[in-house]
Amino acid sequence: MLHDRVLVRQDTAEGERRSGGGILIPATAAVGRRLAWAEVVAVGQNVRTVEPGDRVLFDPEDRAEVEVRGVAYVLMRERDLHAVAADRFEGSEDSTGLYL
């Protein structure tokens, strides 16, 4: 990875999902702009806020997909991340485990 790039693997594939109340929402349903969670796989040398293994929140509309050895990943800049969820943030005072 070069510069400020972050390589992530999305948590879930596009498709059907269930609402909090258990209602099945088909993949063809129109949904407003929605952010997605992913796991960081690799980072460039200039990335300061995330490490491999962290979970990050990003906008799936602003992404560049790449396939490596049959696995789909998303490549983005560090500044395109909206939030970071990591175990290393837990344990400090008033910590939710999220870095926004």
PDB file of N, CA and C in Angstrom:
ATOM      1  N   MET A   1       0.843  -1.173   0.000  1.00  0.00           N
ATOM      2  CA  MET A   1       0.000   0.000   0.000  1.00  0.00           C
ATOM      3  C   MET A   1       0.894   1.243   0.000  1.00  0.00           C
ATOM      4  N   LEU A   2       0.464   2.242  -0.735  1.00  0.00           N
ATOM      5  CA  LEU A   2       1.231   3.468  -0.838  1.00  0.00           C
ATOM      6  C   LEU A   2       0.527   4.637  -0.163  1.00  0.00           C
ATOM      7  N   HIS A   3       1.308   5.571   0.346  1.00  0.00           N
ATOM      8  CA  HIS A   3       0.861   6.867   0.848  1.00  0.00           C
ATOM      9  C   HIS A   3      -0.264   6.746   1.869  1.00  0.00           C
ATOM     10  N   ASP A   4      -1.414   7.391   1.610  1.00  0.00           N
ATOM     11  CA  ASP A   4      -2.516   7.421   2.581  1.00  0.00           C
ATOM     12  C   ASP A   4      -3.647   6.481   2.195  1.00  0.00           C
ATOM     13  N   ARG A   5      -3.334   5.408   1.495  1.00  0.00           N
ATOM     14  CA  ARG A   5      -4.361   4.471   1.030  1.00  0.00           C
ATOM     15  C   ARG A   5      -4.674   3.422   2.098  1.00  0.00           C
ATOM     16  N   VAL A   6      -5.942   3.000   2.117  1.00  0.00           N
ATOM     17  CA  VAL A   6      -6.426   1.983   3.044  1.00  0.00           C
ATOM     18  C   VAL A   6      -7.149   0.920   2.222  1.00  0.00           C
ATOM     19  N   LEU A   7      -6.822  -0.342   2.443  1.00  0.00           N
ATOM     20  CA  LEU A   7      -7.475  -1.454   1.762  1.00  0.00           C
ATOM     21  C   LEU A   7      -8.386  -2.136   2.766  1.00  0.00           C
ATOM     22  N   VAL A   8      -9.685  -2.260   2.423  1.00  0.00           N
ATOM     23  CA  VAL A   8     -10.655  -2.851   3.349  1.00  0.00           C
ATOM     24  C   VAL A   8     -11.441  -3.956   2.665  1.00  0.00           C
ATOM     25  N   ARG A   9     -11.998  -4.844   3.499  1.00  0.00           N
ATOM     26  CA  ARG A   9     -12.884  -5.906   3.032  1.00  0.00           C
ATOM     27  C   ARG A   9     -14.239  -5.654   3.677  1.00  0.00           C
ATOM     28  N   GLN A  10     -15.280  -5.511   2.845  1.00  0.00           N
ATOM     29  CA  GLN A  10     -16.609  -5.223   3.370  1.00  0.00           C
ATOM     30  C   GLN A  10     -17.138  -6.375   4.191  1.00  0.00           C
ATOM     31  N   ASP A  11     -17.895  -6.037   5.256  1.00  0.00           N
ATOM     32  CA  ASP A  11     -18.439  -7.042   6.170  1.00  0.00           C
ATOM     33  C   ASP A  11     -19.474  -7.936   5.507  1.00  0.00           C
ATOM     34  N   THR A  12     -20.413  -7.342   4.793  1.00  0.00           N
ATOM     35  CA  THR A  12     -21.495  -8.122   4.193  1.00  0.00           C
ATOM     36  C   THR A  12     -21.585  -7.831   2.720  1.00  0.00           C
ATOM     37  N   ALA A  13     -22.031  -8.813   1.992  1.00  0.00           N
ATOM     38  CA  ALA A  13     -22.231  -8.626   0.561  1.00  0.00           C
ATOM     39  C   ALA A  13     -23.550  -7.914   0.313  1.00  0.00           C
ATOM     40  N   GLU A  14     -23.632  -7.259  -0.838  1.00  0.00           N
ATOM     41  CA  GLU A  14     -24.875  -6.625  -1.220  1.00  0.00           C
ATOM     42  C   GLU A  14     -25.938  -7.713  -1.371  1.00  0.00           C
ATOM     43  N   GLY A  15     -27.134  -7.423  -0.992  1.00  0.00           N
ATOM     44  CA  GLY A  15     -28.199  -8.411  -1.141  1.00  0.00           C
ATOM     45  C   GLY A  15     -29.279  -8.181  -0.120  1.00  0.00           C
ATOM     46  N   GLU A  16     -30.066  -9.211   0.107  1.00  0.00           N
ATOM     47  CA  GLU A  16     -31.167  -9.102   1.052  1.00  0.00           C
ATOM     48  C   GLU A  16     -30.618  -8.901   2.462  1.00  0.00           C
ATOM     49  N   ARG A  17     -31.382  -8.185   3.264  1.00  0.00           N
ATOM     50  CA  ARG A  17     -31.001  -7.976   4.659  1.00  0.00           C
ATOM     51  C   ARG A  17     -32.264  -7.866   5.488  1.00  0.00           C
ATOM     52  N   ARG A  18     -32.124  -7.915   6.783  1.00  0.00           N
ATOM     53  CA  ARG A  18     -33.280  -7.828   7.682  1.00  0.00           C
ATOM     54  C   ARG A  18     -33.216  -6.531   8.476  1.00  0.00           C
ATOM     55  N   SER A  19     -34.385  -5.947   8.699  1.00  0.00           N
ATOM     56  CA  SER A  19     -34.469  -4.743   9.522  1.00  0.00           C
ATOM     57  C   SER A  19     -34.381  -5.155  10.985  1.00  0.00           C
ATOM     58  N   GLY A  20     -34.308  -4.176  11.873  1.00  0.00           N
ATOM     59  CA  GLY A  20     -34.257  -4.461  13.300  1.00  0.00           C
ATOM     60  C   GLY A  20     -35.499  -5.193  13.788  1.00  0.00           C
ATOM     61  N   GLY A  21     -36.629  -4.984  13.116  1.00  0.00           N
ATOM     62  CA  GLY A  21     -37.876  -5.641  13.486  1.00  0.00           C
ATOM     63  C   GLY A  21     -38.060  -6.997  12.839  1.00  0.00           C
ATOM     64  N   GLY A  22     -37.071  -7.435  12.023  1.00  0.00           N
ATOM     65  CA  GLY A  22     -37.150  -8.752  11.401  1.00  0.00           C
ATOM     66  C   GLY A  22     -37.764  -8.772  10.019  1.00  0.00           C
ATOM     67  N   ILE A  23     -38.051  -7.614   9.454  1.00  0.00           N
ATOM     68  CA  ILE A  23     -38.641  -7.555   8.116  1.00  0.00           C
ATOM     69  C   ILE A  23     -37.545  -7.769   7.090  1.00  0.00           C
ATOM     70  N   LEU A  24     -37.795  -8.657   6.113  1.00  0.00           N
ATOM     71  CA  LEU A  24     -36.838  -8.942   5.057  1.00  0.00           C
ATOM     72  C   LEU A  24     -36.907  -7.833   4.008  1.00  0.00           C
ATOM     73  N   ILE A  25     -35.768  -7.195   3.735  1.00  0.00           N
ATOM     74  CA  ILE A  25     -35.680  -6.114   2.747  1.00  0.00           C
ATOM     75  C   ILE A  25     -34.938  -6.663   1.530  1.00  0.00           C
ATOM     76  N   PRO A  26     -35.608  -6.752   0.368  1.00  0.00           N
ATOM     77  CA  PRO A  26     -34.952  -7.317  -0.819  1.00  0.00           C
ATOM     78  C   PRO A  26     -33.829  -6.428  -1.333  1.00  0.00           C
ATOM     79  N   ALA A  27     -32.900  -7.026  -2.072  1.00  0.00           N
ATOM     80  CA  ALA A  27     -31.745  -6.300  -2.607  1.00  0.00           C
ATOM     81  C   ALA A  27     -32.170  -5.227  -3.599  1.00  0.00           C
ATOM     82  N   THR A  28     -33.336  -5.378  -4.205  1.00  0.00           N
ATOM     83  CA  THR A  28     -33.798  -4.420  -5.204  1.00  0.00           C
ATOM     84  C   THR A  28     -34.495  -3.203  -4.597  1.00  0.00           C
ATOM     85  N   ALA A  29     -34.708  -3.192  -3.294  1.00  0.00           N
ATOM     86  CA  ALA A  29     -35.390  -2.067  -2.638  1.00  0.00           C
ATOM     87  C   ALA A  29     -34.524  -0.817  -2.707  1.00  0.00           C
ATOM     88  N   ALA A  30     -35.153   0.310  -3.005  1.00  0.00           N
ATOM     89  CA  ALA A  30     -34.441   1.587  -3.061  1.00  0.00           C
ATOM     90  C   ALA A  30     -34.202   2.075  -1.631  1.00  0.00           C
ATOM     91  N   VAL A  31     -32.954   2.342  -1.319  1.00  0.00           N
ATOM     92  CA  VAL A  31     -32.573   2.793   0.018  1.00  0.00           C
ATOM     93  C   VAL A  31     -31.828   4.105  -0.137  1.00  0.00           C
ATOM     94  N   GLY A  32     -32.021   5.011   0.792  1.00  0.00           N
ATOM     95  CA  GLY A  32     -31.286   6.268   0.770  1.00  0.00           C
ATOM     96  C   GLY A  32     -29.802   6.027   0.958  1.00  0.00           C
ATOM     97  N   ARG A  33     -29.056   7.084   0.953  1.00  0.00           N
ATOM     98  CA  ARG A  33     -27.607   6.976   1.119  1.00  0.00           C
ATOM     99  C   ARG A  33     -27.295   6.315   2.452  1.00  0.00           C
ATOM    100  N   ARG A  34     -26.514   5.258   2.403  1.00  0.00           N
ATOM    101  CA  ARG A  34     -26.224   4.473   3.593  1.00  0.00           C
ATOM    102  C   ARG A  34     -24.727   4.188   3.666  1.00  0.00           C
ATOM    103  N   LEU A  35     -24.138   4.403   4.842  1.00  0.00           N
ATOM    104  CA  LEU A  35     -22.726   4.102   5.044  1.00  0.00           C
ATOM    105  C   LEU A  35     -22.560   2.615   5.350  1.00  0.00           C
ATOM    106  N   ALA A  36     -21.365   2.079   5.130  1.00  0.00           N
ATOM    107  CA  ALA A  36     -21.109   0.655   5.324  1.00  0.00           C
ATOM    108  C   ALA A  36     -19.884   0.443   6.207  1.00  0.00           C
ATOM    109  N   TRP A  37     -19.861  -0.685   6.910  1.00  0.00           N
ATOM    110  CA  TRP A  37     -18.729  -1.072   7.744  1.00  0.00           C
ATOM    111  C   TRP A  37     -17.825  -2.021   6.975  1.00  0.00           C
ATOM    112  N   ALA A  38     -16.534  -1.963   7.248  1.00  0.00           N
ATOM    113  CA  ALA A  38     -15.571  -2.865   6.618  1.00  0.00           C
ATOM    114  C   ALA A  38     -14.399  -3.066   7.573  1.00  0.00           C
ATOM    115  N   GLU A  39     -13.613  -4.118   7.311  1.00  0.00           N
ATOM    116  CA  GLU A  39     -12.425  -4.405   8.110  1.00  0.00           C
ATOM    117  C   GLU A  39     -11.182  -3.984   7.338  1.00  0.00           C
ATOM    118  N   VAL A  40     -10.288  -3.272   8.014  1.00  0.00           N
ATOM    119  CA  VAL A  40      -9.040  -2.827   7.385  1.00  0.00           C
ATOM    120  C   VAL A  40      -8.116  -4.024   7.219  1.00  0.00           C
ATOM    121  N   VAL A  41      -7.611  -4.196   5.996  1.00  0.00           N
ATOM    122  CA  VAL A  41      -6.717  -5.305   5.687  1.00  0.00           C
ATOM    123  C   VAL A  41      -5.271  -4.829   5.601  1.00  0.00           C
ATOM    124  N   ALA A  42      -5.052  -3.658   4.981  1.00  0.00           N
ATOM    125  CA  ALA A  42      -3.699  -3.116   4.834  1.00  0.00           C
ATOM    126  C   ALA A  42      -3.771  -1.597   4.794  1.00  0.00           C
ATOM    127  N   VAL A  43      -2.673  -0.938   5.192  1.00  0.00           N
ATOM    128  CA  VAL A  43      -2.610   0.524   5.183  1.00  0.00           C
ATOM    129  C   VAL A  43      -1.283   0.978   4.593  1.00  0.00           C
ATOM    130  N   GLY A  44      -1.273   2.186   4.009  1.00  0.00           N
ATOM    131  CA  GLY A  44      -0.044   2.782   3.489  1.00  0.00           C
ATOM    132  C   GLY A  44       0.793   3.369   4.604  1.00  0.00           C
ATOM    133  N   GLN A  45       2.015   3.758   4.271  1.00  0.00           N
ATOM    134  CA  GLN A  45       2.941   4.249   5.294  1.00  0.00           C
ATOM    135  C   GLN A  45       2.547   5.596   5.888  1.00  0.00           C
ATOM    136  N   ASN A  46       1.692   6.385   5.228  1.00  0.00           N
ATOM    137  CA  ASN A  46       1.294   7.687   5.759  1.00  0.00           C
ATOM    138  C   ASN A  46      -0.054   7.667   6.488  1.00  0.00           C
ATOM    139  N   VAL A  47      -0.646   6.503   6.672  1.00  0.00           N
ATOM    140  CA  VAL A  47      -1.919   6.386   7.395  1.00  0.00           C
ATOM    141  C   VAL A  47      -1.628   6.453   8.885  1.00  0.00           C
ATOM    142  N   ARG A  48      -2.373   7.344   9.600  1.00  0.00           N
ATOM    143  CA  ARG A  48      -2.087   7.565  11.014  1.00  0.00           C
ATOM    144  C   ARG A  48      -3.158   7.069  11.968  1.00  0.00           C
ATOM    145  N   THR A  49      -4.416   6.968  11.525  1.00  0.00           N
ATOM    146  CA  THR A  49      -5.494   6.708  12.476  1.00  0.00           C
ATOM    147  C   THR A  49      -6.020   5.287  12.485  1.00  0.00           C
ATOM    148  N   VAL A  50      -5.718   4.482  11.500  1.00  0.00           N
ATOM    149  CA  VAL A  50      -6.227   3.110  11.472  1.00  0.00           C
ATOM    150  C   VAL A  50      -5.088   2.113  11.332  1.00  0.00           C
ATOM    151  N   GLU A  51      -5.370   0.895  11.776  1.00  0.00           N
ATOM    152  CA  GLU A  51      -4.416  -0.205  11.688  1.00  0.00           C
ATOM    153  C   GLU A  51      -5.147  -1.417  11.127  1.00  0.00           C
ATOM    154  N   PRO A  52      -4.422  -2.358  10.535  1.00  0.00           N
ATOM    155  CA  PRO A  52      -5.083  -3.583  10.074  1.00  0.00           C
ATOM    156  C   PRO A  52      -5.839  -4.252  11.222  1.00  0.00           C
ATOM    157  N   GLY A  53      -7.049  -4.697  10.936  1.00  0.00           N
ATOM    158  CA  GLY A  53      -7.902  -5.313  11.949  1.00  0.00           C
ATOM    159  C   GLY A  53      -8.976  -4.381  12.474  1.00  0.00           C
ATOM    160  N   ASP A  54      -8.814  -3.065  12.306  1.00  0.00           N
ATOM    161  CA  ASP A  54      -9.839  -2.108  12.731  1.00  0.00           C
ATOM    162  C   ASP A  54     -11.060  -2.212  11.834  1.00  0.00           C
ATOM    163  N   ARG A  55     -12.218  -1.815  12.364  1.00  0.00           N
ATOM    164  CA  ARG A  55     -13.441  -1.705  11.555  1.00  0.00           C
ATOM    165  C   ARG A  55     -13.652  -0.230  11.258  1.00  0.00           C
ATOM    166  N   VAL A  56     -13.976   0.082  10.014  1.00  0.00           N
ATOM    167  CA  VAL A  56     -14.148   1.478   9.610  1.00  0.00           C
ATOM    168  C   VAL A  56     -15.493   1.665   8.921  1.00  0.00           C
ATOM    169  N   LEU A  57     -15.999   2.881   9.022  1.00  0.00           N
ATOM    170  CA  LEU A  57     -17.260   3.264   8.396  1.00  0.00           C
ATOM    171  C   LEU A  57     -16.935   4.145   7.203  1.00  0.00           C
ATOM    172  N   PHE A  58     -17.504   3.822   6.024  1.00  0.00           N
ATOM    173  CA  PHE A  58     -17.210   4.588   4.814  1.00  0.00           C
ATOM    174  C   PHE A  58     -18.439   4.649   3.922  1.00  0.00           C
ATOM    175  N   ASP A  59     -18.394   5.519   2.929  1.00  0.00           N
ATOM    176  CA  ASP A  59     -19.479   5.679   1.968  1.00  0.00           C
ATOM    177  C   ASP A  59     -19.232   4.725   0.798  1.00  0.00           C
ATOM    178  N   PRO A  60     -20.087   3.712   0.611  1.00  0.00           N
ATOM    179  CA  PRO A  60     -19.850   2.741  -0.455  1.00  0.00           C
ATOM    180  C   PRO A  60     -19.993   3.317  -1.861  1.00  0.00           C
ATOM    181  N   GLU A  61     -20.576   4.499  -2.002  1.00  0.00           N
ATOM    182  CA  GLU A  61     -20.694   5.114  -3.325  1.00  0.00           C
ATOM    183  C   GLU A  61     -19.354   5.687  -3.792  1.00  0.00           C
ATOM    184  N   ASP A  62     -18.485   6.056  -2.868  1.00  0.00           N
ATOM    185  CA  ASP A  62     -17.172   6.624  -3.195  1.00  0.00           C
ATOM    186  C   ASP A  62     -16.090   5.578  -2.996  1.00  0.00           C
ATOM    187  N   ARG A  63     -16.075   4.561  -3.841  1.00  0.00           N
ATOM    188  CA  ARG A  63     -15.116   3.491  -3.626  1.00  0.00           C
ATOM    189  C   ARG A  63     -14.512   3.002  -4.936  1.00  0.00           C
ATOM    190  N   ALA A  64     -13.346   2.419  -4.826  1.00  0.00           N
ATOM    191  CA  ALA A  64     -12.672   1.782  -5.947  1.00  0.00           C
ATOM    192  C   ALA A  64     -12.468   0.326  -5.554  1.00  0.00           C
ATOM    193  N   GLU A  65     -13.085  -0.585  -6.279  1.00  0.00           N
ATOM    194  CA  GLU A  65     -12.978  -2.002  -5.951  1.00  0.00           C
ATOM    195  C   GLU A  65     -11.806  -2.635  -6.679  1.00  0.00           C
ATOM    196  N   VAL A  66     -11.192  -3.608  -6.016  1.00  0.00           N
ATOM    197  CA  VAL A  66     -10.086  -4.354  -6.597  1.00  0.00           C
ATOM    198  C   VAL A  66     -10.233  -5.808  -6.145  1.00  0.00           C
ATOM    199  N   GLU A  67      -9.865  -6.742  -7.016  1.00  0.00           N
ATOM    200  CA  GLU A  67      -9.931  -8.159  -6.669  1.00  0.00           C
ATOM    201  C   GLU A  67      -8.511  -8.708  -6.592  1.00  0.00           C
ATOM    202  N   VAL A  68      -8.189  -9.336  -5.466  1.00  0.00           N
ATOM    203  CA  VAL A  68      -6.873  -9.926  -5.255  1.00  0.00           C
ATOM    204  C   VAL A  68      -7.067 -11.392  -4.887  1.00  0.00           C
ATOM    205  N   ARG A  69      -6.547 -12.275  -5.721  1.00  0.00           N
ATOM    206  CA  ARG A  69      -6.669 -13.722  -5.502  1.00  0.00           C
ATOM    207  C   ARG A  69      -8.098 -14.151  -5.268  1.00  0.00           C
ATOM    208  N   GLY A  70      -9.029 -13.581  -6.025  1.00  0.00           N
ATOM    209  CA  GLY A  70     -10.430 -13.973  -5.958  1.00  0.00           C
ATOM    210  C   GLY A  70     -11.233 -13.347  -4.839  1.00  0.00           C
ATOM    211  N   VAL A  71     -10.623 -12.474  -4.059  1.00  0.00           N
ATOM    212  CA  VAL A  71     -11.322 -11.801  -2.957  1.00  0.00           C
ATOM    213  C   VAL A  71     -11.482 -10.331  -3.316  1.00  0.00           C
ATOM    214  N   ALA A  72     -12.714  -9.803  -3.158  1.00  0.00           N
ATOM    215  CA  ALA A  72     -12.992  -8.402  -3.486  1.00  0.00           C
ATOM    216  C   ALA A  72     -12.651  -7.498  -2.312  1.00  0.00           C
ATOM    217  N   TYR A  73     -11.917  -6.427  -2.584  1.00  0.00           N
ATOM    218  CA  TYR A  73     -11.544  -5.427  -1.589  1.00  0.00           C
ATOM    219  C   TYR A  73     -11.950  -4.051  -2.093  1.00  0.00           C
ATOM    220  N   VAL A  74     -11.960  -3.079  -1.187  1.00  0.00           N
ATOM    221  CA  VAL A  74     -12.233  -1.690  -1.534  1.00  0.00           C
ATOM    222  C   VAL A  74     -10.988  -0.883  -1.175  1.00  0.00           C
ATOM    223  N   LEU A  75     -10.533  -0.050  -2.099  1.00  0.00           N
ATOM    224  CA  LEU A  75      -9.357   0.792  -1.904  1.00  0.00           C
ATOM    225  C   LEU A  75      -9.812   2.238  -1.773  1.00  0.00           C
ATOM    226  N   MET A  76      -9.342   2.932  -0.743  1.00  0.00           N
ATOM    227  CA  MET A  76      -9.756   4.322  -0.529  1.00  0.00           C
ATOM    228  C   MET A  76      -8.661   5.094   0.186  1.00  0.00           C
ATOM    229  N   ARG A  77      -8.828   6.409   0.254  1.00  0.00           N
ATOM    230  CA  ARG A  77      -7.917   7.258   1.015  1.00  0.00           C
ATOM    231  C   ARG A  77      -8.369   7.298   2.468  1.00  0.00           C
ATOM    232  N   GLU A  78      -7.423   7.551   3.349  1.00  0.00           N
ATOM    233  CA  GLU A  78      -7.736   7.631   4.778  1.00  0.00           C
ATOM    234  C   GLU A  78      -8.772   8.723   5.053  1.00  0.00           C
ATOM    235  N   ARG A  79      -8.702   9.828   4.332  1.00  0.00           N
ATOM    236  CA  ARG A  79      -9.623  10.945   4.580  1.00  0.00           C
ATOM    237  C   ARG A  79     -11.071  10.613   4.199  1.00  0.00           C
ATOM    238  N   ASP A  80     -11.304   9.515   3.455  1.00  0.00           N
ATOM    239  CA  ASP A  80     -12.654   9.112   3.071  1.00  0.00           C
ATOM    240  C   ASP A  80     -13.345   8.269   4.136  1.00  0.00           C
ATOM    241  N   LEU A  81     -12.658   7.961   5.227  1.00  0.00           N
ATOM    242  CA  LEU A  81     -13.247   7.196   6.316  1.00  0.00           C
ATOM    243  C   LEU A  81     -14.044   8.124   7.218  1.00  0.00           C
ATOM    244  N   HIS A  82     -15.189   7.637   7.695  1.00  0.00           N
ATOM    245  CA  HIS A  82     -16.058   8.446   8.555  1.00  0.00           C
ATOM    246  C   HIS A  82     -15.891   8.127  10.036  1.00  0.00           C
ATOM    247  N   ALA A  83     -15.540   6.876  10.370  1.00  0.00           N
ATOM    248  CA  ALA A  83     -15.372   6.481  11.774  1.00  0.00           C
ATOM    249  C   ALA A  83     -14.506   5.233  11.840  1.00  0.00           C
ATOM    250  N   VAL A  84     -13.903   5.026  13.016  1.00  0.00           N
ATOM    251  CA  VAL A  84     -13.073   3.851  13.261  1.00  0.00           C
ATOM    252  C   VAL A  84     -13.561   3.201  14.544  1.00  0.00           C
ATOM    253  N   ALA A  85     -13.775   1.882  14.502  1.00  0.00           N
ATOM    254  CA  ALA A  85     -14.130   1.120  15.697  1.00  0.00           C
ATOM    255  C   ALA A  85     -12.996   0.133  15.947  1.00  0.00           C
ATOM    256  N   ALA A  86     -12.322   0.264  17.100  1.00  0.00           N
ATOM    257  CA  ALA A  86     -11.182  -0.599  17.384  1.00  0.00           C
ATOM    258  C   ALA A  86     -11.114  -0.896  18.875  1.00  0.00           C
ATOM    259  N   ASP A  87     -10.633  -2.084  19.188  1.00  0.00           N
ATOM    260  CA  ASP A  87     -10.485  -2.483  20.594  1.00  0.00           C
ATOM    261  C   ASP A  87      -9.487  -1.600  21.322  1.00  0.00           C
ATOM    262  N   ARG A  88      -8.489  -1.072  20.628  1.00  0.00           N
ATOM    263  CA  ARG A  88      -7.468  -0.273  21.313  1.00  0.00           C
ATOM    264  C   ARG A  88      -8.026   1.047  21.858  1.00  0.00           C
ATOM    265  N   PHE A  89      -9.192   1.506  21.382  1.00  0.00           N
ATOM    266  CA  PHE A  89      -9.807   2.722  21.904  1.00  0.00           C
ATOM    267  C   PHE A  89     -10.597   2.448  23.173  1.00  0.00           C
ATOM    268  N   GLU A  90     -10.985   1.191  23.401  1.00  0.00           N
ATOM    269  CA  GLU A  90     -11.713   0.841  24.615  1.00  0.00           C
ATOM    270  C   GLU A  90     -10.742   0.850  25.787  1.00  0.00           C
ATOM    271  N   GLY A  91     -11.235   1.133  26.951  1.00  0.00           N
ATOM    272  CA  GLY A  91     -10.374   1.136  28.126  1.00  0.00           C
ATOM    273  C   GLY A  91      -9.982   2.533  28.563  1.00  0.00           C
ATOM    274  N   SER A  92     -10.055   3.496  27.664  1.00  0.00           N
ATOM    275  CA  SER A  92      -9.793   4.869  28.087  1.00  0.00           C
ATOM    276  C   SER A  92     -11.080   5.452  28.664  1.00  0.00           C
ATOM    277  N   GLU A  93     -10.978   6.536  29.391  1.00  0.00           N
ATOM    278  CA  GLU A  93     -12.155   7.141  30.008  1.00  0.00           C
ATOM    279  C   GLU A  93     -13.186   7.545  28.969  1.00  0.00           C
ATOM    280  N   ASP A  94     -14.467   7.311  29.295  1.00  0.00           N
ATOM    281  CA  ASP A  94     -15.593   7.691  28.431  1.00  0.00           C
ATOM    282  C   ASP A  94     -15.438   7.154  27.013  1.00  0.00           C
ATOM    283  N   SER A  95     -14.885   5.991  26.850  1.00  0.00           N
ATOM    284  CA  SER A  95     -14.660   5.427  25.528  1.00  0.00           C
ATOM    285  C   SER A  95     -15.823   4.563  25.097  1.00  0.00           C
ATOM    286  N   THR A  96     -16.256   4.735  23.854  1.00  0.00           N
ATOM    287  CA  THR A  96     -17.288   3.875  23.272  1.00  0.00           C
ATOM    288  C   THR A  96     -16.655   2.841  22.354  1.00  0.00           C
ATOM    289  N   GLY A  97     -15.340   2.951  22.121  1.00  0.00           N
ATOM    290  CA  GLY A  97     -14.675   2.079  21.178  1.00  0.00           C
ATOM    291  C   GLY A  97     -14.699   2.649  19.777  1.00  0.00           C
ATOM    292  N   LEU A  98     -15.316   3.810  19.613  1.00  0.00           N
ATOM    293  CA  LEU A  98     -15.398   4.464  18.302  1.00  0.00           C
ATOM    294  C   LEU A  98     -14.543   5.711  18.288  1.00  0.00           C
ATOM    295  N   TYR A  99     -13.867   5.951  17.189  1.00  0.00           N
ATOM    296  CA  TYR A  99     -13.104   7.171  17.006  1.00  0.00           C
ATOM    297  C   TYR A  99     -13.751   7.902  15.846  1.00  0.00           C
ATOM    298  N   LEU A 100     -14.426   9.014  16.128  1.00  0.00           N
ATOM    299  CA  LEU A 100     -15.140   9.762  15.084  1.00  0.00           C
ATOM    300  C   LEU A 100     -14.400  11.016  14.724  1.00  0.00           C
TER     301      LEU A 100
END
